[in-house]
């Protein structure tokens, strides 16, 4: 039996319909996984006044997931350029 699932047959179910804007991102990697962290941008720390980057979302992905995301983002950019 194949593990392949036809994505045209999958219904999306959202936990939330809200979206967060991310103008900054940080990517960390090990040999097994990638950690993507997203922020709306640099702000002043309320306690010290120093610049800080508040992370609102963290996503951990395996290498295979990142490779697929890379391919899909590249395709989306190419489609947008046409």
C-alpha atoms as a PDB file:
ATOM      1  CA  UNK A   1       0.000   0.000   0.000  1.00  0.00           C
ATOM      2  CA  UNK A   2       1.310   3.443  -0.919  1.00  0.00           C
ATOM      3  CA  UNK A   3       1.785   6.255   1.616  1.00  0.00           C
ATOM      4  CA  UNK A   4       1.103   8.828  -1.133  1.00  0.00           C
ATOM      5  CA  UNK A   5      -2.083  10.848  -0.631  1.00  0.00           C
ATOM      6  CA  UNK A   6      -3.694  12.743  -3.496  1.00  0.00           C
ATOM      7  CA  UNK A   7      -3.724  16.315  -2.134  1.00  0.00           C
ATOM      8  CA  UNK A   8      -6.756  17.170  -4.291  1.00  0.00           C
ATOM      9  CA  UNK A   9      -8.769  14.882  -2.006  1.00  0.00           C
ATOM     10  CA  UNK A  10      -7.758  16.507   1.298  1.00  0.00           C
ATOM     11  CA  UNK A  11     -10.067  19.065   2.909  1.00  0.00           C
ATOM     12  CA  UNK A  12      -8.300  21.801   4.867  1.00  0.00           C
ATOM     13  CA  UNK A  13      -9.497  22.432   8.400  1.00  0.00           C
ATOM     14  CA  UNK A  14      -8.121  25.543  10.102  1.00  0.00           C
ATOM     15  CA  UNK A  15      -7.675  25.780  13.867  1.00  0.00           C
ATOM     16  CA  UNK A  16      -7.975  29.550  13.473  1.00  0.00           C
ATOM     17  CA  UNK A  17      -8.719  31.845  10.552  1.00  0.00           C
ATOM     18  CA  UNK A  18      -6.527  34.640  11.917  1.00  0.00           C
ATOM     19  CA  UNK A  19      -3.217  35.404  10.213  1.00  0.00           C
ATOM     20  CA  UNK A  20      -0.061  36.912  11.683  1.00  0.00           C
ATOM     21  CA  UNK A  21       2.194  39.178   9.626  1.00  0.00           C
ATOM     22  CA  UNK A  22       5.885  38.291   9.660  1.00  0.00           C
ATOM     23  CA  UNK A  23       8.446  40.732   8.303  1.00  0.00           C
ATOM     24  CA  UNK A  24      11.351  39.011  10.062  1.00  0.00           C
ATOM     25  CA  UNK A  25      12.296  35.347  10.275  1.00  0.00           C
ATOM     26  CA  UNK A  26      15.043  33.263  11.835  1.00  0.00           C
ATOM     27  CA  UNK A  27      15.950  29.787  10.592  1.00  0.00           C
ATOM     28  CA  UNK A  28      17.945  27.364  12.725  1.00  0.00           C
ATOM     29  CA  UNK A  29      18.924  23.886  11.575  1.00  0.00           C
ATOM     30  CA  UNK A  30      20.308  20.601  12.808  1.00  0.00           C
ATOM     31  CA  UNK A  31      21.006  17.572  10.659  1.00  0.00           C
ATOM     32  CA  UNK A  32      17.459  16.297  11.313  1.00  0.00           C
ATOM     33  CA  UNK A  33      15.178  19.315  11.567  1.00  0.00           C
ATOM     34  CA  UNK A  34      14.701  23.001  10.915  1.00  0.00           C
ATOM     35  CA  UNK A  35      13.192  25.568  13.279  1.00  0.00           C
ATOM     36  CA  UNK A  36      11.486  28.559  11.668  1.00  0.00           C
ATOM     37  CA  UNK A  37      10.720  31.535  13.921  1.00  0.00           C
ATOM     38  CA  UNK A  38       8.639  34.500  12.807  1.00  0.00           C
ATOM     39  CA  UNK A  39       8.264  38.053  14.102  1.00  0.00           C
ATOM     40  CA  UNK A  40       6.366  41.166  13.061  1.00  0.00           C
ATOM     41  CA  UNK A  41       9.548  43.186  13.505  1.00  0.00           C
ATOM     42  CA  UNK A  42      11.945  44.807  15.950  1.00  0.00           C
ATOM     43  CA  UNK A  43      10.449  46.723  18.874  1.00  0.00           C
ATOM     44  CA  UNK A  44      11.845  48.398  21.958  1.00  0.00           C
ATOM     45  CA  UNK A  45      11.905  46.138  25.002  1.00  0.00           C
ATOM     46  CA  UNK A  46       9.380  47.673  27.429  1.00  0.00           C
ATOM     47  CA  UNK A  47      11.681  47.117  30.429  1.00  0.00           C
ATOM     48  CA  UNK A  48      15.068  48.124  29.035  1.00  0.00           C
ATOM     49  CA  UNK A  49      14.284  50.128  25.900  1.00  0.00           C
ATOM     50  CA  UNK A  50      16.758  47.970  23.972  1.00  0.00           C
ATOM     51  CA  UNK A  51      15.708  46.646  20.568  1.00  0.00           C
ATOM     52  CA  UNK A  52      14.248  43.149  20.654  1.00  0.00           C
ATOM     53  CA  UNK A  53      12.623  40.808  18.187  1.00  0.00           C
ATOM     54  CA  UNK A  54       9.465  39.267  19.675  1.00  0.00           C
ATOM     55  CA  UNK A  55       8.811  35.831  18.151  1.00  0.00           C
ATOM     56  CA  UNK A  56       5.094  35.152  17.655  1.00  0.00           C
ATOM     57  CA  UNK A  57       5.335  31.798  15.857  1.00  0.00           C
ATOM     58  CA  UNK A  58       7.744  28.847  15.928  1.00  0.00           C
ATOM     59  CA  UNK A  59       7.504  25.967  13.482  1.00  0.00           C
ATOM     60  CA  UNK A  60       9.675  22.843  13.566  1.00  0.00           C
ATOM     61  CA  UNK A  61       9.937  20.827  10.357  1.00  0.00           C
ATOM     62  CA  UNK A  62      11.892  17.776   9.229  1.00  0.00           C
ATOM     63  CA  UNK A  63      14.394  18.171   6.402  1.00  0.00           C
ATOM     64  CA  UNK A  64      12.007  16.561   3.880  1.00  0.00           C
ATOM     65  CA  UNK A  65       9.304  19.096   4.815  1.00  0.00           C
ATOM     66  CA  UNK A  66      11.700  22.011   4.341  1.00  0.00           C
ATOM     67  CA  UNK A  67      12.807  20.663   0.957  1.00  0.00           C
ATOM     68  CA  UNK A  68       9.162  20.470  -0.152  1.00  0.00           C
ATOM     69  CA  UNK A  69       8.464  23.982   1.221  1.00  0.00           C
ATOM     70  CA  UNK A  70      11.512  25.294  -0.676  1.00  0.00           C
ATOM     71  CA  UNK A  71      10.213  23.757  -3.905  1.00  0.00           C
ATOM     72  CA  UNK A  72       6.695  25.144  -3.418  1.00  0.00           C
ATOM     73  CA  UNK A  73       7.920  28.638  -2.528  1.00  0.00           C
ATOM     74  CA  UNK A  74      10.130  28.642  -5.638  1.00  0.00           C
ATOM     75  CA  UNK A  75       7.181  27.605  -7.803  1.00  0.00           C
ATOM     76  CA  UNK A  76       4.964  30.282  -6.260  1.00  0.00           C
ATOM     77  CA  UNK A  77       7.580  32.972  -6.946  1.00  0.00           C
ATOM     78  CA  UNK A  78       7.989  31.814 -10.544  1.00  0.00           C
ATOM     79  CA  UNK A  79       4.196  31.857 -11.044  1.00  0.00           C
ATOM     80  CA  UNK A  80       4.035  35.373  -9.608  1.00  0.00           C
ATOM     81  CA  UNK A  81       6.768  36.573 -12.005  1.00  0.00           C
ATOM     82  CA  UNK A  82       4.822  35.403 -15.066  1.00  0.00           C
END
